[in-house]
Amino acid sequence: MAQPKHAEPMEAERPTTVARVGMTADEYFALPETSQPQNLIDGRLYVSPAPRPRHQLVVGDIYGAMRAFQLGHGGYSILSPTDCVLNDGTVVQPDVAYIRAGREAIVGDRVNGAPDLAIEVLSPGTRRFDRQKKLRVYGLNGVREVWLVDPEAETVTVFTGSGGEWTHEQSVLFGETIPSSVVDVGAGNLTREAAE
């Protein structure tokens, strides 16, 4: 009788890759609708692997906190994959974003302008891309605040900017109050697994 074969080790999650170079925003918006995470930065179309369940649970927790804040304070919460067209023609899809009250007019078929807050939940395939490319373009295009949420380290790092560069950075653990100057969502529904 043949011995059962052991499963091959799981392949590491694919990183975000460049699918096309020299693309304009008009060409991007002419593409068919897709749920595949994608971003257009510096004329390059970047595609990312589908998110893992843990990533989506964290996104859902944060989005729930944003929606609750929105219901009490106005504004507009968005959930990926929603396109945000930034000032320089960059098109990004933050995992979660918030547009403060009084600025909701920038939301139509897409967000036409910088959200006040952009949140990226890091995953093995997007970690480097989110920390380098997306954080840079958010800072250069008027996003007031970015959260990089790391489910593995159970941390939220908050970057606060002046509309052209990041001027302050602070990290907290899941379960601690997120030091946001844009929204007051406490710990954003994030809890430490060790504490559960």
Protein backbone atom coordinates (compact mmCIF):
# COMPACT_ATOMS: atom_id res chain seq x y z
CA MET A 1 0.00 0.00 0.00
CA ALA A 2 1.41 3.38 -0.98
CA GLN A 3 2.22 5.81 1.76
CA PRO A 4 0.24 9.07 1.70
CA LYS A 5 2.24 11.99 0.45
CA HIS A 6 2.72 14.94 2.72
CA ALA A 7 1.40 18.22 1.46
CA GLU A 8 3.94 20.52 -0.07
CA PRO A 9 4.78 23.50 2.13
CA MET A 10 2.51 26.44 1.45
CA GLU A 11 3.93 28.94 -0.97
CA ALA A 12 4.59 32.34 0.58
CA GLU A 13 1.94 34.88 -0.28
CA ARG A 14 2.70 36.56 -3.58
CA PRO A 15 3.80 40.18 -3.27
CA THR A 16 2.09 43.10 -4.95
CA THR A 17 3.28 43.15 -8.58
CA VAL A 18 3.30 45.56 -11.51
CA ALA A 19 0.77 44.42 -14.12
CA ARG A 20 1.18 47.31 -16.55
CA VAL A 21 3.44 50.34 -17.04
CA GLY A 22 2.56 53.68 -18.64
CA MET A 23 -1.12 53.63 -17.70
CA THR A 24 -3.19 56.80 -17.26
CA ALA A 25 -6.12 57.26 -14.89
CA ASP A 26 -8.49 57.31 -17.89
CA GLU A 27 -7.15 53.91 -19.02
CA TYR A 28 -7.44 52.61 -15.47
CA PHE A 29 -11.11 53.60 -15.27
CA ALA A 30 -11.78 51.97 -18.66
CA LEU A 31 -10.77 48.57 -17.20
CA PRO A 32 -13.59 46.15 -16.33
CA GLU A 33 -14.75 46.15 -12.71
CA THR A 34 -12.85 43.76 -10.48
CA SER A 35 -12.59 42.84 -6.83
CA GLN A 36 -8.84 42.25 -7.28
CA PRO A 37 -7.00 44.84 -5.16
CA GLN A 38 -5.24 47.27 -7.49
CA ASN A 39 -3.63 50.70 -7.37
CA LEU A 40 -2.30 53.08 -10.03
CA ILE A 41 0.86 54.85 -8.84
CA ASP A 42 3.34 56.70 -11.06
CA GLY A 43 1.73 55.24 -14.20
CA ARG A 44 2.15 51.65 -12.93
CA LEU A 45 -0.81 49.37 -12.32
CA TYR A 46 -0.10 47.34 -9.18
CA VAL A 47 -2.15 44.25 -8.38
CA SER A 48 -2.16 42.48 -5.04
CA PRO A 49 -3.13 38.97 -4.04
CA ALA A 50 -6.60 38.45 -2.59
CA PRO A 51 -6.60 39.21 1.13
CA ARG A 52 -6.57 36.43 3.71
CA PRO A 53 -9.49 35.89 6.11
CA ARG A 54 -7.60 37.38 9.11
CA HIS A 55 -6.91 40.55 7.08
CA GLN A 56 -10.60 40.86 6.21
CA LEU A 57 -11.69 40.32 9.83
CA VAL A 58 -9.44 43.19 10.94
CA VAL A 59 -10.71 45.39 8.08
CA GLY A 60 -14.29 44.58 9.13
CA ASP A 61 -13.61 45.45 12.77
CA ILE A 62 -12.12 48.82 11.85
CA TYR A 63 -14.85 49.59 9.33
CA GLY A 64 -17.49 48.86 11.99
CA ALA A 65 -15.85 51.41 14.29
CA MET A 66 -15.68 53.96 11.45
CA ARG A 67 -19.36 53.48 10.56
CA ALA A 68 -20.36 53.98 14.21
CA PHE A 69 -18.28 57.19 14.32
CA GLN A 70 -19.82 58.36 11.03
CA LEU A 71 -23.37 57.82 12.31
CA GLY A 72 -22.64 60.08 15.29
CA HIS A 73 -20.46 62.71 13.62
CA GLY A 74 -21.25 62.75 9.91
CA GLY A 75 -18.71 62.25 7.18
CA TYR A 76 -18.31 59.21 4.98
CA SER A 77 -16.62 55.84 5.58
CA ILE A 78 -15.44 53.72 2.66
CA LEU A 79 -14.39 50.11 2.35
CA SER A 80 -12.05 48.59 -0.23
CA PRO A 81 -12.14 48.13 -3.14
CA THR A 82 -13.20 51.77 -3.58
CA ASP A 83 -11.02 53.95 -5.81
CA CYS A 84 -9.66 57.21 -4.44
CA VAL A 85 -8.27 59.57 -7.09
CA LEU A 86 -5.58 61.72 -5.52
CA ASN A 87 -4.39 65.16 -6.66
CA ASP A 88 -1.57 63.86 -8.88
CA GLY A 89 -3.80 61.35 -10.73
CA THR A 90 -2.78 58.44 -8.51
CA VAL A 91 -5.61 55.96 -7.90
CA VAL A 92 -5.44 54.04 -4.63
CA GLN A 93 -7.73 51.64 -2.81
CA PRO A 94 -7.24 51.99 0.95
CA ASP A 95 -8.64 49.10 3.00
CA VAL A 96 -10.74 51.63 4.94
CA ALA A 97 -10.94 55.41 4.63
CA TYR A 98 -12.87 58.26 6.19
CA ILE A 99 -13.88 61.62 4.75
CA ARG A 100 -14.85 64.11 7.47
CA ALA A 101 -18.19 65.95 7.64
CA GLY A 102 -18.40 68.80 5.18
CA ARG A 103 -16.24 67.03 2.57
CA GLU A 104 -18.71 64.32 1.52
CA ALA A 105 -19.11 66.00 -1.90
CA ILE A 106 -15.83 64.36 -3.02
CA VAL A 107 -17.60 60.98 -2.90
CA GLY A 108 -19.38 59.94 -6.10
CA ASP A 109 -18.74 56.87 -8.24
CA ARG A 110 -15.29 57.08 -6.66
CA VAL A 111 -13.59 59.36 -4.14
CA ASN A 112 -12.27 62.39 -6.06
CA GLY A 113 -9.66 63.78 -3.70
CA ALA A 114 -7.69 62.75 -0.65
CA PRO A 115 -9.59 61.12 2.19
CA ASP A 116 -8.84 62.63 5.60
CA LEU A 117 -7.86 59.18 6.90
CA ALA A 118 -6.56 56.16 4.97
CA ILE A 119 -6.12 52.81 6.70
CA GLU A 120 -4.01 49.95 5.37
CA VAL A 121 -4.12 46.53 7.02
CA LEU A 122 -0.75 44.91 6.34
CA SER A 123 -0.47 41.39 4.98
CA PRO A 124 2.58 39.39 3.87
CA GLY A 125 1.93 40.21 0.20
CA THR A 126 1.26 43.94 0.67
CA ARG A 127 3.42 44.90 3.67
CA ARG A 128 6.31 46.44 1.72
CA PHE A 129 4.02 48.07 -0.88
CA ASP A 130 1.78 49.64 1.79
CA ARG A 131 4.71 50.89 3.89
CA GLN A 132 6.67 52.34 0.99
CA LYS A 133 4.64 53.20 -2.11
CA LYS A 134 1.20 53.86 -0.66
CA LEU A 135 2.38 55.69 2.47
CA ARG A 136 4.51 57.98 0.28
CA VAL A 137 1.70 58.88 -2.14
CA TYR A 138 -0.75 59.45 0.70
CA GLY A 139 1.70 61.88 2.29
CA LEU A 140 2.35 63.75 -0.95
CA ASN A 141 -1.33 64.12 -1.82
CA GLY A 142 -2.93 65.70 1.22
CA VAL A 143 -4.10 62.70 3.25
CA ARG A 144 -4.08 64.05 6.82
CA GLU A 145 -3.59 60.73 8.58
CA VAL A 146 -2.68 57.11 7.73
CA TRP A 147 -2.94 54.05 9.94
CA LEU A 148 -0.79 51.02 9.18
CA VAL A 149 -2.46 48.15 11.01
CA ASP A 150 -0.30 45.06 11.56
CA PRO A 151 -2.37 42.00 12.55
CA GLU A 152 0.79 39.90 13.15
CA ALA A 153 2.38 42.38 15.57
CA GLU A 154 -1.07 43.53 16.77
CA THR A 155 -0.09 47.18 16.38
CA VAL A 156 -1.53 50.31 14.81
CA THR A 157 1.00 52.91 13.65
CA VAL A 158 -0.52 56.34 13.08
CA PHE A 159 1.15 58.80 10.70
CA THR A 160 -0.03 62.41 10.90
CA GLY A 161 0.86 64.85 8.16
CA SER A 162 0.91 68.44 7.11
CA GLY A 163 -0.56 67.79 3.67
CA GLY A 164 2.83 67.20 2.06
CA GLU A 165 4.86 65.11 4.50
CA TRP A 166 4.47 63.02 7.63
CA THR A 167 5.29 65.05 10.74
CA HIS A 168 4.38 62.62 13.53
CA GLU A 169 4.36 58.84 14.00
CA GLN A 170 2.99 56.89 16.98
CA SER A 171 2.31 53.19 17.53
CA VAL A 172 -0.11 51.49 19.92
CA LEU A 173 -1.06 47.88 20.61
CA PHE A 174 -4.44 46.43 19.66
CA GLY A 175 -6.86 47.23 22.47
CA GLU A 176 -5.30 50.62 23.21
CA THR A 177 -6.87 53.91 22.16
CA ILE A 178 -5.75 54.82 18.65
CA PRO A 179 -4.23 58.35 18.80
CA SER A 180 -6.13 59.83 15.85
CA SER A 181 -6.61 63.52 15.17
CA VAL A 182 -9.34 62.70 12.61
CA VAL A 183 -11.68 60.23 14.35
CA ASP A 184 -12.35 59.10 17.91
CA VAL A 185 -12.99 55.36 17.69
CA GLY A 186 -11.20 54.22 20.85
CA ALA A 187 -9.38 50.99 20.00
CA GLY A 188 -11.24 50.66 16.67
CA ASN A 189 -12.76 47.30 17.73
CA LEU A 190 -9.25 45.79 17.70
CA THR A 191 -8.35 43.41 20.51
CA ARG A 192 -5.23 41.44 21.23
CA GLU A 193 -5.61 37.71 20.60
CA ALA A 194 -3.51 36.94 23.67
CA ALA A 195 -5.94 39.01 25.76
CA GLU A 196 -9.05 37.14 24.52
